[in-house]
Protein backbone atom coordinates (compact mmCIF):
# COMPACT_ATOMS: atom_id res chain seq x y z
CA MET A 1 -14.81 19.42 -1.34
CA ALA A 2 -11.74 21.60 -2.46
CA ILE A 3 -8.44 20.50 -0.98
CA ALA A 4 -5.51 22.89 -1.10
CA VAL A 5 -2.44 21.01 -2.40
CA PRO A 6 0.86 22.58 -1.70
CA PRO A 7 2.75 23.68 -4.82
CA ALA A 8 5.68 21.36 -4.26
CA LEU A 9 3.29 18.36 -4.10
CA SER A 10 0.85 19.65 -6.75
CA LEU A 11 0.45 17.24 -9.90
CA PRO A 12 -2.02 19.19 -12.25
CA VAL A 13 -2.15 16.06 -14.59
CA ILE A 14 -3.56 13.95 -11.98
CA GLU A 15 -6.18 16.42 -11.02
CA ALA A 16 -7.02 17.10 -14.68
CA ALA A 17 -6.64 13.54 -16.29
CA PHE A 18 -7.34 11.24 -13.55
CA PRO A 19 -10.77 11.90 -12.23
CA ARG A 20 -11.41 10.61 -8.68
CA GLN A 21 -14.16 7.93 -7.89
CA LEU A 22 -15.22 6.40 -4.75
CA HIS A 23 -16.78 2.86 -4.40
CA PRO A 24 -20.57 3.44 -3.40
CA TYR A 25 -19.95 1.11 -0.44
CA TRP A 26 -17.34 3.52 1.00
CA PRO A 27 -19.49 5.21 3.94
CA ARG A 28 -20.36 1.54 5.19
CA LEU A 29 -16.83 0.55 4.69
CA GLN A 30 -15.42 3.26 6.76
CA GLU A 31 -17.87 2.32 9.53
CA GLN A 32 -17.18 -1.50 9.28
CA THR A 33 -13.36 -1.09 9.29
CA ARG A 34 -13.42 1.17 12.38
CA THR A 35 -15.45 -1.41 14.05
CA TRP A 36 -12.96 -4.21 12.81
CA LEU A 37 -10.04 -2.17 14.32
CA LEU A 38 -11.71 -1.94 17.50
CA GLU A 39 -12.86 -5.59 17.64
CA LYS A 40 -9.20 -6.78 16.73
CA ARG A 41 -7.63 -4.47 19.35
CA LEU A 42 -5.60 -3.09 16.61
CA MET A 43 -6.23 0.33 17.81
CA SER A 44 -7.21 1.58 21.23
CA ALA A 45 -10.91 2.97 21.40
CA ASP A 46 -9.77 6.57 22.07
CA LYS A 47 -7.39 6.42 18.90
CA VAL A 48 -9.98 4.96 16.78
CA ALA A 49 -12.55 7.66 17.78
CA GLU A 50 -10.13 10.54 17.25
CA TYR A 51 -8.03 9.30 14.28
CA ALA A 52 -9.48 6.45 12.35
CA ASP A 53 -11.74 8.23 9.89
CA GLY A 54 -9.16 11.09 9.48
CA LEU A 55 -6.46 8.65 8.58
CA CYS A 56 -8.53 7.89 5.52
CA TYR A 57 -7.40 4.31 5.13
CA THR A 58 -10.79 3.18 3.63
CA ASP A 59 -10.79 6.14 1.36
CA LEU A 60 -7.70 4.90 -0.26
CA MET A 61 -9.07 1.48 -0.86
CA ALA A 62 -12.58 2.64 -1.96
CA GLY A 63 -10.82 4.76 -4.55
CA PHE A 64 -8.99 1.88 -5.92
CA TYR A 65 -10.87 -1.23 -6.12
CA LEU A 66 -13.92 -0.04 -7.94
CA GLY A 67 -16.40 -2.72 -9.09
CA ALA A 68 -15.37 -5.08 -6.19
CA ALA A 69 -18.08 -7.00 -4.52
CA GLU A 70 -18.66 -5.36 -1.07
CA GLU A 71 -17.30 -8.45 0.78
CA VAL A 72 -14.23 -8.12 -1.28
CA LEU A 73 -13.63 -4.40 -0.74
CA GLN A 74 -14.35 -4.86 3.04
CA ALA A 75 -11.70 -7.55 3.43
CA ILE A 76 -9.32 -5.57 1.17
CA ALA A 77 -9.88 -2.43 3.31
CA ASP A 78 -9.58 -4.34 6.64
CA PHE A 79 -6.33 -5.82 5.41
CA SER A 80 -5.07 -2.23 4.25
CA ALA A 81 -5.90 -0.75 7.81
CA TRP A 82 -3.89 -3.74 9.34
CA PHE A 83 -0.89 -3.06 6.89
CA PHE A 84 -0.72 0.57 8.20
CA VAL A 85 -0.79 -0.61 11.67
CA TRP A 86 1.89 -3.23 11.09
CA ASP A 87 3.88 -0.46 9.37
CA ASP A 88 3.58 1.84 12.58
CA ARG A 89 4.59 -1.24 14.91
CA HIS A 90 7.60 -1.84 12.69
CA ASP A 91 8.46 1.98 12.89
CA ARG A 92 8.12 1.96 16.76
CA ASP A 93 10.18 -1.36 17.12
CA VAL A 94 12.90 0.58 15.36
CA VAL A 95 12.57 3.68 17.26
CA HIS A 96 12.48 1.99 20.75
CA HIS A 97 15.19 -0.50 19.69
CA ARG A 98 13.22 -3.64 20.02
CA PRO A 99 14.91 -6.18 17.83
CA GLY A 100 13.77 -9.21 19.81
CA ALA A 101 10.05 -8.03 19.51
CA TRP A 102 10.47 -7.29 15.67
CA ARG A 103 12.18 -10.87 15.27
CA ARG A 104 9.35 -12.67 16.99
CA LEU A 105 6.71 -10.87 15.05
CA ARG A 106 8.50 -11.43 11.81
CA GLY A 107 8.50 -15.18 12.37
CA LEU A 108 4.83 -15.25 13.43
CA LEU A 109 3.87 -13.39 10.17
CA HIS A 110 5.65 -15.62 8.06
CA THR A 111 3.76 -18.76 9.71
CA VAL A 112 0.19 -16.86 9.64
CA LEU A 113 0.59 -17.06 5.84
CA GLU A 114 0.75 -20.82 5.71
CA SER A 115 -1.72 -21.41 8.52
CA PRO A 116 -3.92 -18.30 9.29
CA ARG A 117 -6.79 -20.42 10.78
CA HIS A 118 -4.30 -21.50 13.72
CA HIS A 119 -3.49 -17.80 14.82
CA LEU A 120 -6.87 -16.15 14.78
CA HIS A 121 -6.74 -16.06 18.79
CA HIS A 122 -3.09 -15.12 19.07
CA GLU A 123 -2.33 -12.89 22.13
CA ASP A 124 -0.52 -10.36 19.82
CA ALA A 125 -3.56 -8.39 18.29
CA LEU A 126 -1.37 -7.65 15.29
CA VAL A 127 -0.83 -11.40 14.63
CA ALA A 128 -4.47 -12.37 15.05
CA GLY A 129 -5.69 -9.37 12.91
CA PHE A 130 -3.33 -10.51 10.16
CA ALA A 131 -4.75 -14.16 10.44
CA ASP A 132 -8.26 -12.74 10.08
CA SER A 133 -7.26 -10.63 7.14
CA VAL A 134 -5.46 -13.62 5.20
CA LEU A 135 -8.12 -16.00 5.99
CA ARG A 136 -10.77 -13.73 4.46
CA LEU A 137 -8.63 -12.94 1.52
CA TYR A 138 -7.92 -16.50 0.76
CA ALA A 139 -11.54 -17.27 0.45
CA PHE A 140 -12.33 -15.34 -2.85
CA LEU A 141 -10.09 -17.12 -5.40
CA PRO A 142 -8.48 -20.51 -5.98
CA ALA A 143 -5.59 -21.96 -4.14
CA THR A 144 -3.15 -20.98 -6.83
CA TRP A 145 -3.87 -17.29 -6.06
CA ASN A 146 -3.50 -17.79 -2.39
CA ALA A 147 -0.03 -19.34 -2.91
CA ARG A 148 0.97 -16.48 -4.96
CA PHE A 149 -0.22 -14.03 -2.41
CA ALA A 150 1.52 -15.82 0.29
CA ARG A 151 4.76 -15.95 -1.73
CA HIS A 152 4.50 -12.13 -2.49
CA PHE A 153 3.90 -11.38 1.15
CA HIS A 154 6.62 -13.42 2.49
CA GLU A 155 8.83 -11.16 0.26
CA VAL A 156 7.43 -8.15 1.85
CA ILE A 157 8.13 -9.50 5.40
CA ASP A 158 11.73 -10.02 4.40
CA ALA A 159 11.96 -6.57 3.05
CA TYR A 160 10.69 -5.11 6.08
CA ASP A 161 13.33 -6.90 7.98
CA GLN A 162 15.96 -5.45 5.67
CA GLU A 163 14.49 -1.91 6.41
CA PHE A 164 14.93 -2.84 10.16
CA HIS A 165 18.45 -3.72 9.71
CA ASN A 166 19.08 -0.54 7.68
CA ARG A 167 17.36 1.81 9.91
CA THR A 168 18.86 0.38 13.23
CA ARG A 169 22.49 0.70 11.79
CA GLY A 170 21.67 3.98 9.94
CA ILE A 171 22.36 2.49 6.35
CA VAL A 172 21.05 4.48 3.63
CA PRO A 173 20.49 2.32 0.66
CA GLY A 174 21.86 3.33 -2.66
CA VAL A 175 19.32 4.44 -5.22
CA GLU A 176 18.89 1.28 -7.18
CA GLU A 177 19.03 -0.82 -4.23
CA TYR A 178 16.35 1.22 -2.56
CA LEU A 179 14.16 1.14 -5.76
CA ALA A 180 14.24 -2.75 -5.81
CA LEU A 181 13.43 -2.85 -1.92
CA ARG A 182 10.76 -0.13 -2.18
CA ARG A 183 8.87 -2.32 -4.44
CA LEU A 184 8.69 -4.83 -1.70
CA THR A 185 8.09 -2.57 1.27
CA PHE A 186 5.38 -0.84 -0.43
CA ALA A 187 3.96 -4.20 -1.58
CA HIS A 188 3.67 -3.48 -5.24
CA TRP A 189 2.66 -7.05 -6.10
CA ILE A 190 0.24 -7.35 -3.30
CA TRP A 191 -2.05 -4.61 -4.27
CA THR A 192 -1.71 -5.72 -7.73
CA ASP A 193 -2.64 -9.30 -6.76
CA LEU A 194 -5.77 -7.78 -4.97
CA LEU A 195 -6.94 -6.34 -8.46
CA GLU A 196 -8.03 -9.90 -9.35
CA PRO A 197 -10.58 -11.00 -6.51
CA SER A 198 -12.02 -7.23 -7.12
CA ALA A 199 -12.46 -8.30 -10.82
CA GLY A 200 -13.93 -11.53 -9.72
CA ARG A 201 -11.40 -13.93 -11.31
CA GLU A 202 -7.86 -15.13 -11.20
CA LEU A 203 -5.81 -14.05 -14.14
CA PRO A 204 -3.64 -16.60 -15.97
CA ASP A 205 0.09 -16.38 -16.07
CA THR A 206 -0.12 -15.47 -19.75
CA VAL A 207 -2.00 -12.38 -18.94
CA ARG A 208 -0.41 -11.29 -15.63
CA LYS A 209 3.03 -11.68 -17.43
CA HIS A 210 1.97 -9.84 -20.34
CA PRO A 211 4.54 -7.03 -20.92
CA ALA A 212 2.02 -4.22 -21.16
CA TYR A 213 0.04 -5.50 -18.28
CA ARG A 214 3.02 -6.03 -16.03
CA ARG A 215 4.33 -2.46 -16.85
CA ALA A 216 0.98 -0.75 -16.37
CA ALA A 217 0.69 -2.55 -12.94
CA LEU A 218 4.55 -1.61 -11.86
CA LEU A 219 3.99 1.91 -13.15
CA SER A 220 0.87 2.45 -11.06
CA GLN A 221 2.60 1.25 -7.91
CA GLU A 222 5.83 3.08 -8.56
CA PHE A 223 3.70 6.37 -8.79
CA ALA A 224 2.37 5.61 -5.50
CA ALA A 225 5.54 4.61 -3.78
CA TRP A 226 7.53 7.77 -5.19
CA TYR A 227 4.81 10.07 -4.56
CA ASN A 228 4.59 8.73 -1.00
CA ASP A 229 8.41 9.41 -0.62
CA LEU A 230 7.75 13.01 -1.62
CA CYS A 231 4.99 13.68 0.70
CA SER A 232 6.47 11.88 3.57
CA LEU A 233 10.08 13.25 3.28
CA PRO A 234 9.62 15.97 5.89
CA LYS A 235 8.20 13.28 8.34
CA GLU A 236 11.08 11.01 7.62
CA LEU A 237 13.91 13.50 7.75
CA ALA A 238 12.39 14.66 11.22
CA GLY A 239 12.36 10.77 12.17
CA ASP A 240 15.86 10.19 11.26
CA GLU A 241 14.68 7.79 8.55
CA VAL A 242 17.03 6.21 6.05
CA HIS A 243 14.36 4.75 3.67
CA ASN A 244 13.10 7.23 1.04
CA LEU A 245 14.02 7.84 -2.51
CA GLY A 246 14.71 11.48 -1.69
CA ILE A 247 17.24 10.57 1.16
CA SER A 248 19.03 8.07 -1.12
CA LEU A 249 19.50 10.76 -3.60
CA ILE A 250 20.84 13.10 -1.32
CA THR A 251 23.11 10.72 0.25
CA HIS A 252 24.47 8.87 -2.68
CA GLU A 253 23.90 11.25 -5.55
CA GLY A 254 25.07 14.31 -3.73
CA LEU A 255 21.86 16.32 -4.42
CA THR A 256 20.70 18.92 -2.12
CA LEU A 257 17.19 18.86 -0.56
CA GLU A 258 15.73 21.02 -3.34
CA GLN A 259 17.45 19.07 -6.02
CA ALA A 260 16.15 15.61 -4.67
CA ILE A 261 12.71 17.03 -4.62
CA ALA A 262 12.96 18.18 -8.16
CA GLU A 263 14.29 14.72 -9.10
CA LEU A 264 11.43 13.00 -7.34
CA ARG A 265 9.06 15.09 -9.15
CA ARG A 266 10.61 14.29 -12.49
CA ARG A 267 10.39 10.51 -11.78
CA ILE A 268 6.90 10.73 -10.66
CA GLU A 269 5.71 12.90 -13.69
CA GLU A 270 7.73 10.51 -16.05
CA CYS A 271 5.85 7.65 -14.41
CA ILE A 272 2.35 9.17 -15.21
CA SER A 273 3.12 9.70 -18.93
CA GLU A 274 4.53 6.13 -19.16
CA PHE A 275 1.51 4.60 -17.52
CA LEU A 276 -0.86 6.49 -20.09
CA ILE A 277 1.02 4.61 -22.84
CA ALA A 278 1.14 1.30 -21.33
CA GLU A 279 -2.60 1.64 -20.42
CA GLU A 280 -3.52 1.83 -24.11
CA GLU A 281 -1.51 -1.16 -24.81
CA VAL A 282 -3.37 -3.29 -22.03
CA LEU A 283 -6.74 -2.06 -23.48
CA TRP A 284 -5.74 -3.35 -26.76
CA PHE A 285 -4.51 -6.64 -25.24
CA ALA A 286 -7.88 -6.94 -23.49
CA GLU A 287 -9.61 -6.43 -26.87
CA GLU A 288 -7.64 -9.34 -28.44
CA LEU A 289 -8.50 -11.51 -25.37
CA THR A 290 -12.31 -11.00 -26.15
CA ASP A 291 -12.13 -13.44 -29.11
CA GLY A 292 -15.82 -14.46 -29.36
CA THR A 293 -15.68 -17.16 -26.68
CA VAL A 294 -17.35 -17.06 -23.05
CA ARG A 295 -14.04 -17.30 -21.51
CA GLY A 296 -12.38 -14.82 -23.88
CA LYS A 297 -15.08 -12.21 -23.12
CA GLU A 298 -14.78 -12.92 -19.37
CA LEU A 299 -11.11 -12.55 -19.48
CA GLY A 300 -11.05 -9.42 -21.56
CA THR A 301 -13.56 -7.91 -19.13
CA ALA A 302 -11.23 -8.72 -15.94
CA VAL A 303 -8.33 -7.28 -17.67
CA GLN A 304 -10.39 -4.14 -18.48
CA SER A 305 -11.43 -3.97 -14.76
CA CYS A 306 -7.78 -4.40 -13.55
CA VAL A 307 -6.18 -1.81 -15.61
CA THR A 308 -9.15 0.76 -14.95
CA ASN A 309 -8.29 0.17 -11.29
CA MET A 310 -4.63 0.78 -11.95
CA ARG A 311 -5.51 4.13 -13.32
CA ASN A 312 -7.86 4.81 -10.26
CA TRP A 313 -4.80 4.13 -7.95
CA PHE A 314 -3.35 7.38 -9.29
CA SER A 315 -5.95 9.72 -8.05
CA SER A 316 -6.63 7.66 -4.97
CA VAL A 317 -3.14 7.78 -3.93
CA TYR A 318 -2.65 11.40 -4.59
CA TRP A 319 -5.69 12.69 -2.66
CA PHE A 320 -5.09 10.39 0.13
CA HIS A 321 -1.75 12.14 0.82
CA HIS A 322 -3.48 15.55 1.14
CA GLU A 323 -6.58 14.24 3.25
CA SER A 324 -4.95 11.78 5.65
CA GLY A 325 -3.74 12.76 9.12
CA ARG A 326 -0.81 10.27 8.47
CA TYR A 327 0.92 12.99 6.46
CA MET A 328 0.05 16.24 8.53
CA VAL A 329 3.28 16.41 10.25
CA ASP A 330 3.13 20.10 11.03
CA ASN A 331 0.22 19.42 13.29
CA TRP A 332 1.85 16.72 15.45
CA GLU A 333 3.12 17.76 18.87
CA ASP A 334 6.18 15.72 18.10
CA ARG A 335 7.19 15.57 14.46
CA ALA A 336 8.92 12.09 14.72
CA THR A 337 5.96 10.49 16.63
CA PRO A 338 2.56 10.03 14.97
CA PRO A 339 -0.11 10.76 17.41
CA TYR A 340 -2.34 7.99 16.20
CA VAL A 341 -0.10 5.31 17.34
CA ASP A 342 0.17 3.49 20.63
CA ASN A 343 3.71 4.43 21.51
CA GLU A 344 4.10 1.92 24.50
CA ALA A 345 6.37 -1.16 24.05
CA ALA A 346 4.04 -3.08 21.82
CA GLY A 347 5.12 -6.51 21.01
CA GLU A 348 7.31 -6.77 24.28
CA LYS A 349 4.40 -8.28 26.23
């Protein structure tokens, strides 16, 4: 299916050098996540029926974690759908000035990470859905991976709290401050952590902290975050947002909108070219790990799987932004209010 990508958002290098793939489980994945959203009351039945498939949340994950066992991919896709719903709740708490609701939710999410089983039946569907997701993700790898995932997600929650503070006070962070915060609000290290259950094993610190591996992982996520900023700039300007690299460039660097878009594109394109270099280095590293031992072969194969999926992230993110109803602002009745969210005072109950 040919998608018309607007010239301002077109990246020919992605279309040419990053072929798109989808996990063969994808059609079932879509169906199961739709059912999960309903069962967990994360979206109303009418919203699920009208918008769930068009939002393409499962497409995004099915294009990223190739090679994952079906059970693993399903857990990741459901978690990803939850993450988007949480992001929308956070946004509505900002828009409707609900600091008390946000503070309660923030505290509960921190608690769930440490004891998910105790919150499976929480009255707030967002809390219960998170508990279900976390418990399932914790089942695949050892406790050391679980602790790392929890540590990384505690940081994500705190970053969302900082964003809440900035948005409710109209504070546009400076460029460097924004870039550091964006790595957390976009959950760079969460999506990177999830490469490991997809590959079927936890990677030792010596591998994860290897400069080439860490750089390739960071670049794949930076591309996604910055391309998201480029695509969502109209939506976020319409909604009086303060968290977008383009908005930080306009506010703190004195750039015009056109110049900010050009600078975003420059950074994004540089990200792609640097990833291609880092990718080669990781593949060499994977070969070095394959030292003739069984453990070496397994580790080298896992690293190859992870870096291949880092590459897949580029095309998956790119096409997601042109297929998902999440970014089709011009089709919304109110450009500041997504039609797929329940806009009542969720969280105040």
